[in-house]
Amino acid sequence: MPPCSPSARLIINREVQIDRYGRTDIQIEANHRWDTSAAKVTVIIETKGCWNEGVNTAQRTQLADRYLRRDRTAAGIYLVGYFDSPAHWNNNKPGDDGKPHSDRPHTIHTIEDLTAEQHALTEQLRGEKGAEVYAFVLDCRPDPVDAAINTGQETS
């Protein structure tokens, strides 16, 4: 039976209003297929783009402290989309604010550094709060060949 069939009792929601002050990005709830007395399983996914000012704090402040604290049966996934690409960020675009690129928070980390930082915070939150949290950095960078074609740069 497919996992998303109606009899699997799986509900996937986005922008779920959890209280007057906040919404989860994605919330998945599943009931046991055979045992109706079993507790439901909830997974809350908080998403951020790598340029977001809160990328280094939201795993704690939003996911662990707000969303998971409310629902002790929930697990959380902190999903960061990594879009940084020299071919994209290092060229002036229409409407560019003229700031040096080193002053932009989204240009000062590598995918490896961001992944290591998020995994370290995950371990810290598990130890401090007993939170069932997992971090994942999704590589959303364009293919280098496509990026070079779009910017006129040579590939090595």
Protein backbone atom coordinates (compact mmCIF):
# COMPACT_ATOMS: atom_id res chain seq x y z
CA MET A 1 0.00 0.00 0.00
CA PRO A 2 1.49 3.42 -0.91
CA PRO A 3 2.52 5.50 2.14
CA CYS A 4 0.32 8.45 1.11
CA SER A 5 -2.87 6.47 0.57
CA PRO A 6 -5.94 7.43 2.63
CA SER A 7 -5.74 4.21 4.61
CA ALA A 8 -2.19 5.08 5.72
CA ARG A 9 -3.71 8.03 7.61
CA LEU A 10 -0.98 10.46 6.63
CA ILE A 11 -1.64 14.20 6.71
CA ILE A 12 0.81 16.70 5.25
CA ASN A 13 0.13 20.38 5.93
CA ARG A 14 2.04 23.57 5.27
CA GLU A 15 1.95 26.84 7.21
CA VAL A 16 0.08 25.22 10.11
CA GLN A 17 -1.18 27.79 12.65
CA ILE A 18 0.07 26.41 15.98
CA ASP A 19 -0.85 29.40 18.15
CA ARG A 20 -1.54 33.12 17.83
CA TYR A 21 2.13 33.79 17.14
CA GLY A 22 3.45 31.17 14.81
CA ARG A 23 3.07 28.78 11.94
CA THR A 24 5.12 25.70 11.18
CA ASP A 25 6.43 25.52 7.62
CA ILE A 26 5.49 21.86 7.08
CA GLN A 27 3.77 19.50 9.51
CA ILE A 28 3.30 15.79 8.88
CA GLU A 29 1.02 13.66 11.04
CA ALA A 30 0.58 9.92 10.77
CA ASN A 31 -1.60 7.46 12.63
CA HIS A 32 -0.81 3.79 12.94
CA ARG A 33 -2.47 1.86 10.11
CA TRP A 34 -3.74 -0.99 12.25
CA ASP A 35 -3.60 0.08 15.89
CA THR A 36 -6.03 2.97 16.33
CA SER A 37 -5.06 3.29 20.00
CA ALA A 38 -1.42 4.06 19.12
CA ALA A 39 -0.29 7.67 19.45
CA LYS A 40 0.01 9.67 16.28
CA VAL A 41 3.47 10.58 15.02
CA THR A 42 4.14 14.22 14.21
CA VAL A 43 7.12 15.60 12.30
CA ILE A 44 7.55 19.36 12.06
CA ILE A 45 9.81 20.68 9.31
CA GLU A 46 11.20 24.20 9.64
CA THR A 47 12.77 25.53 6.44
CA LYS A 48 15.20 28.36 5.83
CA GLY A 49 17.18 29.62 2.87
CA CYS A 50 20.93 29.97 3.47
CA TRP A 51 20.61 33.76 3.14
CA ASN A 52 18.08 34.03 5.98
CA GLU A 53 19.34 36.11 8.91
CA GLY A 54 18.00 33.47 11.32
CA VAL A 55 19.60 30.47 9.63
CA ASN A 56 21.98 29.92 12.57
CA THR A 57 19.39 30.46 15.32
CA ALA A 58 15.98 29.24 14.08
CA GLN A 59 16.71 25.56 14.70
CA ARG A 60 16.81 26.43 18.41
CA THR A 61 14.42 29.40 18.67
CA GLN A 62 11.68 28.23 16.33
CA LEU A 63 11.91 24.47 15.98
CA ALA A 64 13.12 23.29 19.40
CA ASP A 65 11.97 26.07 21.72
CA ARG A 66 8.59 26.86 20.15
CA TYR A 67 7.24 24.05 17.99
CA LEU A 68 8.69 20.91 19.60
CA ARG A 69 8.25 22.18 23.14
CA ARG A 70 4.51 22.50 22.51
CA ASP A 71 4.16 18.94 21.24
CA ARG A 72 6.44 16.59 23.17
CA THR A 73 5.52 13.71 20.84
CA ALA A 74 6.87 15.52 17.78
CA ALA A 75 10.18 15.17 16.00
CA GLY A 76 11.67 18.02 14.01
CA ILE A 77 13.64 18.46 10.83
CA TYR A 78 15.53 21.68 10.20
CA LEU A 79 15.89 21.97 6.43
CA VAL A 80 18.22 24.61 4.99
CA GLY A 81 18.27 25.25 1.25
CA TYR A 82 21.81 26.15 0.16
CA PHE A 83 21.64 28.29 -2.97
CA ASP A 84 25.03 30.01 -2.78
CA SER A 85 26.83 30.04 -6.08
CA PRO A 86 29.69 32.33 -7.12
CA ALA A 87 28.14 32.52 -10.57
CA HIS A 88 24.92 33.85 -9.03
CA TRP A 89 25.91 35.95 -6.01
CA ASN A 90 29.14 37.59 -7.24
CA ASN A 91 27.63 39.41 -10.20
CA ASN A 92 25.83 42.72 -9.91
CA LYS A 93 22.16 42.40 -10.65
CA PRO A 94 19.58 45.07 -11.44
CA GLY A 95 18.66 46.72 -8.14
CA ASP A 96 21.91 45.62 -6.45
CA ASP A 97 22.37 47.65 -3.27
CA GLY A 98 26.08 48.17 -4.02
CA LYS A 99 27.24 46.62 -0.73
CA PRO A 100 30.40 44.55 -0.88
CA HIS A 101 29.44 40.91 -1.18
CA SER A 102 31.44 40.02 1.95
CA ASP A 103 28.90 42.10 3.94
CA ARG A 104 26.05 39.84 2.90
CA PRO A 105 25.40 37.05 5.41
CA HIS A 106 24.53 34.51 2.74
CA THR A 107 27.97 34.75 1.14
CA ILE A 108 30.14 34.09 4.19
CA HIS A 109 29.66 30.34 4.61
CA THR A 110 30.33 27.23 2.60
CA ILE A 111 27.91 24.33 2.39
CA GLU A 112 30.35 22.23 4.42
CA ASP A 113 30.59 24.86 7.19
CA LEU A 114 26.83 25.37 7.27
CA THR A 115 26.21 21.61 7.46
CA ALA A 116 28.75 21.18 10.28
CA GLU A 117 27.25 24.12 12.22
CA GLN A 118 23.70 22.77 11.92
CA HIS A 119 24.68 19.22 12.88
CA ALA A 120 26.59 20.52 15.93
CA LEU A 121 23.54 22.50 17.02
CA THR A 122 21.36 19.42 16.53
CA GLU A 123 23.57 17.43 18.91
CA GLN A 124 23.53 20.28 21.40
CA LEU A 125 19.72 20.51 21.33
CA ARG A 126 19.37 16.77 21.77
CA GLY A 127 21.60 16.90 24.84
CA GLU A 128 20.16 20.08 26.39
CA LYS A 129 16.48 19.65 25.66
CA GLY A 130 16.08 16.01 24.72
CA ALA A 131 14.64 17.27 21.44
CA GLU A 132 14.27 14.79 18.60
CA VAL A 133 15.81 17.12 16.00
CA TYR A 134 17.54 16.42 12.70
CA ALA A 135 19.26 18.96 10.44
CA PHE A 136 19.68 18.67 6.71
CA VAL A 137 21.30 21.12 4.28
CA LEU A 138 19.93 20.64 0.78
CA ASP A 139 22.32 21.59 -2.02
CA CYS A 140 20.24 23.77 -4.36
CA ARG A 141 23.13 25.29 -6.27
CA PRO A 142 22.88 25.28 -10.04
CA ASP A 143 24.95 22.89 -12.07
CA PRO A 144 28.34 24.56 -12.77
CA VAL A 145 27.94 24.13 -16.53
CA ASP A 146 24.48 25.74 -16.50
CA ALA A 147 25.76 28.56 -14.29
CA ALA A 148 28.68 29.21 -16.64
CA ILE A 149 26.40 29.30 -19.66
CA ASN A 150 24.04 31.74 -17.91
CA THR A 151 26.86 34.10 -16.84
CA GLY A 152 29.23 33.68 -19.80
CA GLN A 153 31.99 32.25 -17.60
CA GLU A 154 34.34 29.42 -18.53
CA THR A 155 34.18 26.11 -16.66
CA SER A 156 37.34 24.38 -15.54
